[in-house]
Structure formats: structure tokens, C-alpha cells
Protein backbone atom coordinates (compact mmCIF):
# COMPACT_ATOMS: atom_id res chain seq x y z
CA LYS A 1 -24.15 -10.33 -0.65
CA TYR A 2 -22.45 -11.85 -3.62
CA PRO A 3 -20.85 -9.60 -6.25
CA GLY A 4 -23.42 -8.52 -8.79
CA CYS A 5 -22.00 -10.00 -11.95
CA VAL A 6 -20.58 -13.44 -12.63
CA GLU A 7 -20.27 -12.63 -16.34
CA CYS A 8 -17.78 -9.91 -15.49
CA LEU A 9 -15.53 -12.41 -13.76
CA HIS A 10 -15.67 -14.75 -16.73
CA ASN A 11 -14.83 -11.92 -19.14
CA CYS A 12 -11.86 -10.47 -17.28
CA ASN A 13 -8.55 -11.17 -19.01
CA GLY A 14 -5.16 -11.13 -17.32
CA GLU A 15 -2.78 -8.79 -19.13
CA SER A 16 0.85 -8.44 -18.03
CA GLY A 17 0.01 -9.72 -14.59
CA GLY A 18 -2.93 -7.36 -14.24
CA VAL A 19 -6.63 -7.55 -14.86
CA ARG A 20 -8.66 -5.87 -17.59
CA LEU A 21 -11.99 -4.81 -16.17
CA VAL A 22 -15.02 -4.94 -18.42
CA ASP A 23 -18.25 -2.98 -18.37
CA TYR A 24 -20.61 -5.04 -16.25
CA CYS A 25 -22.99 -2.42 -14.90
CA THR A 26 -25.74 -3.21 -17.40
CA LEU A 27 -25.66 -6.96 -16.73
CA SER A 28 -27.97 -8.47 -14.15
CA PRO A 29 -27.32 -12.21 -13.73
CA ASP A 30 -29.55 -14.46 -11.71
CA GLN A 31 -28.41 -14.30 -8.07
CA GLN A 32 -28.77 -18.05 -7.63
CA LYS A 33 -26.34 -18.49 -10.50
CA VAL A 34 -23.89 -16.16 -8.80
CA ALA A 35 -24.24 -18.04 -5.50
CA VAL A 36 -23.57 -21.40 -7.16
CA TYR A 37 -20.55 -19.98 -8.96
CA PHE A 38 -18.94 -18.73 -5.75
CA ASP A 39 -19.79 -21.91 -3.84
CA GLN A 40 -17.94 -23.88 -6.51
CA SER A 41 -15.06 -21.40 -6.54
CA LEU A 42 -14.54 -21.75 -2.80
CA GLU A 43 -13.78 -25.44 -3.30
CA ILE A 44 -10.68 -24.62 -5.34
CA SER A 45 -9.72 -21.15 -4.09
CA THR A 46 -6.39 -20.89 -2.30
CA ARG A 47 -5.95 -17.09 -2.09
CA PHE A 48 -8.32 -14.78 -0.25
CA HIS A 49 -8.38 -10.99 0.15
CA ILE A 50 -10.55 -9.91 3.07
CA GLU A 51 -11.02 -6.32 4.26
CA PRO A 52 -11.65 -6.26 8.03
CA ALA A 53 -12.41 -2.52 8.01
CA SER A 54 -13.16 -0.04 5.24
CA ILE A 55 -12.39 2.93 7.49
CA CYS A 56 -9.02 4.29 8.56
CA ASN A 57 -7.63 6.52 11.29
CA SER A 58 -5.00 8.08 9.04
CA ARG A 59 -5.60 10.43 6.12
CA CYS A 60 -2.79 9.63 3.70
CA SER A 61 -2.87 12.24 0.96
CA THR A 62 -2.66 9.80 -1.97
CA CYS A 63 -5.18 7.26 -0.63
CA PHE A 64 -8.67 7.43 -2.11
CA ILE A 65 -10.26 6.29 1.16
CA ILE A 66 -10.23 9.94 2.27
CA HIS A 67 -12.52 11.03 -0.56
CA ASP A 68 -16.28 11.31 -0.18
CA ASP A 69 -17.06 8.89 -3.00
CA PHE A 70 -15.27 5.97 -1.29
CA THR A 71 -18.06 3.90 0.23
CA ARG A 72 -18.81 0.42 1.51
CA GLU A 73 -22.11 -0.99 2.71
CA VAL A 74 -20.59 -1.42 6.17
CA ASP A 75 -17.51 -0.03 7.90
CA LEU A 76 -16.49 -3.26 9.66
CA MET A 77 -16.50 -6.78 8.25
CA ASP A 78 -18.86 -9.25 9.89
CA PHE A 79 -16.49 -12.18 10.31
CA ASP A 80 -19.28 -14.56 11.32
CA ARG A 81 -20.70 -14.09 7.82
CA VAL A 82 -17.27 -14.64 6.30
CA ILE A 83 -16.83 -17.88 8.24
CA GLU A 84 -20.32 -18.97 7.21
CA SER A 85 -19.49 -18.33 3.55
CA PHE A 86 -16.43 -20.59 3.86
CA GLY A 87 -18.73 -23.39 4.94
CA GLY A 88 -16.06 -24.55 7.36
CA ASP A 89 -13.74 -25.47 4.51
CA ILE A 90 -10.75 -23.17 4.00
CA LYS A 91 -8.07 -25.74 4.74
CA GLU A 92 -6.49 -25.50 1.26
CA ALA A 93 -5.90 -21.73 1.50
CA THR A 94 -2.26 -20.76 0.96
CA TYR A 95 -2.47 -16.94 1.16
CA ILE A 96 -4.89 -14.75 3.10
CA GLN A 97 -4.60 -10.96 2.93
CA LEU A 98 -6.37 -9.29 5.85
CA PHE A 99 -6.38 -5.71 4.64
CA TYR A 100 -7.26 -3.53 1.71
CA TYR A 101 -7.62 0.24 2.10
CA GLY A 102 -8.90 0.38 5.67
CA GLU A 103 -7.06 -0.10 8.96
CA PRO A 104 -7.65 -3.76 9.93
CA PHE A 105 -7.26 -3.28 13.67
CA LEU A 106 -10.14 -0.84 13.84
CA ASN A 107 -12.23 -4.00 13.70
CA PRO A 108 -12.06 -5.54 17.21
CA GLN A 109 -12.83 -8.98 15.74
CA THR A 110 -9.78 -9.13 13.46
CA THR A 111 -7.55 -11.21 15.71
CA ARG A 112 -10.47 -13.48 16.66
CA PHE A 113 -10.73 -14.25 12.95
CA LEU A 114 -6.95 -14.70 12.85
CA ARG A 115 -7.24 -17.40 15.51
CA TYR A 116 -9.97 -19.06 13.43
CA LEU A 117 -7.58 -19.13 10.46
CA SER A 118 -4.80 -20.70 12.52
CA ASP A 119 -7.11 -23.61 13.35
CA ASN A 120 -8.80 -23.97 9.97
CA ALA A 121 -6.23 -22.84 7.37
CA PRO A 122 -2.96 -24.45 8.49
CA LYS A 123 -1.32 -24.06 5.05
CA ALA A 124 -1.97 -20.33 4.78
CA LYS A 125 0.36 -17.38 5.02
CA VAL A 126 -1.47 -14.39 6.54
CA VAL A 127 -0.55 -10.83 5.60
CA PHE A 128 -1.58 -7.58 7.31
CA SER A 129 -0.88 -3.95 6.49
CA THR A 130 -1.38 -1.54 9.39
CA ASN A 131 -0.28 1.94 10.39
CA GLY A 132 0.11 0.61 13.93
CA VAL A 133 -1.86 3.13 15.97
CA TYR A 134 -4.61 0.60 16.81
CA LEU A 135 -2.25 -2.38 17.11
CA LYS A 136 -3.14 -2.86 20.76
CA ALA A 137 -1.12 -5.01 23.15
CA GLU A 138 -3.80 -7.70 23.21
CA TYR A 139 -3.77 -7.85 19.39
CA ALA A 140 0.02 -8.11 19.40
CA ARG A 141 -0.14 -11.06 21.77
CA ASP A 142 -2.75 -12.76 19.55
CA ILE A 143 -0.49 -12.30 16.51
CA ILE A 144 2.44 -13.84 18.36
CA GLU A 145 0.34 -16.81 19.47
CA VAL A 146 -0.99 -17.48 15.97
CA SER A 147 2.45 -17.03 14.36
CA ARG A 148 3.50 -20.21 16.15
CA LYS A 149 0.99 -22.07 13.96
CA VAL A 150 0.95 -20.21 10.64
CA PRO A 151 3.37 -17.69 9.08
CA ILE A 152 2.37 -14.03 9.42
CA ILE A 153 3.72 -10.93 7.70
CA VAL A 154 2.89 -7.51 9.14
CA TRP A 155 3.56 -4.56 6.83
CA ASN A 156 4.11 -1.45 8.91
CA SER A 157 2.62 1.33 6.81
CA LEU A 158 4.41 4.16 8.55
CA HIS A 159 5.33 6.95 6.16
CA GLY A 160 7.74 9.27 7.91
CA SER A 161 10.74 9.13 10.21
CA ARG A 162 9.18 11.14 13.04
CA GLN A 163 5.92 12.76 14.14
CA GLU A 164 6.42 15.97 12.18
CA ASN A 165 7.03 14.57 8.73
CA SER A 166 4.67 11.59 9.08
CA ARG A 167 1.81 14.05 9.60
CA LYS A 168 2.61 15.83 6.34
CA TYR A 169 1.49 12.70 4.50
CA MET A 170 -0.65 10.70 6.96
CA GLY A 171 -2.73 13.54 8.38
CA LYS A 172 -2.42 16.24 10.99
CA THR A 173 -3.57 14.04 13.87
CA PHE A 174 -1.56 10.89 13.08
CA MET A 175 0.08 9.48 16.24
CA PHE A 176 3.54 8.44 15.06
CA ASP A 177 4.96 7.80 18.52
CA THR A 178 2.05 5.52 19.43
CA ALA A 179 2.47 3.53 16.23
CA VAL A 180 6.22 3.08 16.80
CA ALA A 181 5.64 2.00 20.40
CA ASN A 182 3.07 -0.57 19.29
CA PHE A 183 5.37 -1.98 16.60
CA ASN A 184 8.24 -2.14 19.08
CA TYR A 185 6.06 -4.02 21.54
CA LEU A 186 5.03 -6.55 18.90
CA SER A 187 8.67 -7.03 17.92
CA SER A 188 9.72 -7.50 21.55
CA LEU A 189 7.33 -10.44 21.93
CA ARG A 190 8.91 -12.49 19.17
CA THR A 191 10.56 -15.75 20.17
CA PRO A 192 12.49 -18.29 18.07
CA ASP A 193 9.38 -20.43 17.57
CA CYS A 194 7.43 -17.54 15.96
CA ASN A 195 7.07 -17.35 12.20
CA LEU A 196 6.52 -13.60 12.11
CA ARG A 197 8.05 -11.10 9.71
CA LEU A 198 7.76 -7.34 10.26
CA VAL A 199 8.29 -5.09 7.24
CA TRP A 200 8.38 -1.30 7.36
CA LYS A 201 6.52 -0.13 4.25
CA TYR A 202 7.66 3.45 3.73
CA VAL A 203 6.35 5.72 0.96
CA LEU A 204 9.23 8.09 0.28
CA PHE A 205 8.79 11.70 -0.83
CA SER A 206 11.48 14.26 -1.55
CA TRP A 207 9.26 16.97 -0.04
CA ASN A 208 8.86 15.03 3.19
CA ASP A 209 12.14 13.25 3.86
CA SER A 210 15.61 14.70 3.86
CA VAL A 211 18.85 12.82 3.26
CA ALA A 212 19.60 13.27 6.96
CA ASP A 213 16.25 11.71 7.89
CA LEU A 214 16.92 8.64 5.79
CA ALA A 215 20.46 8.30 7.10
CA GLU A 216 19.10 8.38 10.64
CA LEU A 217 16.56 5.67 9.82
CA GLU A 218 19.23 3.50 8.24
CA HIS A 219 21.06 3.30 11.54
CA ALA A 220 17.97 3.11 13.76
């Protein structure tokens, strides 16, 4: 489905690097008009934000995905439909973000789509954000293979220095040790010909992390 309102897109104004959203709920543009608009936009678009999964295995306390009113039509992105919408032409893309609020590796087709991008979007930088628990060995090997063709950044969303304090923020069942092992495996596969950057994205809380914890991480 296309978004429901092309007028909304035309009426959004950038303010200080952000976007001012307008009230579009009462507008009902012709769907053919919307389709034509997005077909034309694809010809000049260079940045894409695609959400492989709208579900997540962690329950971070400040993330709205844990609330009942967070919904999507489907939990997992149908990448065949995404590829079809590109019409085979994504070669001018320069930035592709493969995450939003869900955990991208809950979708078993994510790295298959990544391989598609490596063949069809050679100018693109691809960015993931993952908590690492579902970053399986086979996915890690796919990332390494593709990083020899296009640059990849993996943000490790791991909020805590050990199992105990990560669960205070990420949920009582979060598997910190599994996530660390998966990240370590991915890192161990890197070779000089890989264009892969790993970044630990750490949300810091005074109630969750002591000075000693942070000092330990600094030397890890």
C-alpha cells in the first residue's frame, strides 16, 4: 500500500533539520495520484528507510514498541514487494537504513535483501541497528560477504555492561551474553577487504550503570 496522503508530503516543512507534520487524516487523495507520485519519486530518491520487522525481542523501557497502541499491518516486511516497488532501479541509492523500531534480524529474509542491495545499489551505504540476540552466524557471514561490495554500519544497541544491568532496561528475559557472543563472532570474521564498521550504541542511565561499570567497559 502507498501512504494515504500525498498532500501531507507536499505540505511538510523542514524546520531546524526536522519535519513539521500536518493534519492529514481528513484528506483522501486519489490512490492513482499517490502511486504516480511515488513512482516519480523513486526515480530521484537516494535515501531509503526500510523496516524489516516491526516486532522486537527486547522490551526497552523507553521504546514505544512495547505499548499496545504500536501497530503495523504486518510484523515482517515482504521484501519481494519492496523489490517490486523499486522496479529494479535502485542503483542511485546512497543510503539505505534497514531498521526502525523493530529488530531487523527477526525477519529471516533480511540478509537475502542485503545481498540484493549489494548487486543493485552499488553506491549505497547500508546501516543496521540490532540488539544482537538474533544476529545468527549465517547472517554474520552474509554481512561480511556483502561488506566487500558496499559499506555497512552495524549499530549494536546493547544497553548495559552485563546481563544484570542490561535487563533493567531491555527486559527481564534479554540475553546479554548471547548478544555479545554474536557481535564478537561478527567482529572476528572481518578481514582487511571488508568495509564494515561496528558501533556500540549504549543508552546510559545513572540508575543502571555505575562509574565502575563504565570504567570496566572502557578497558574491555
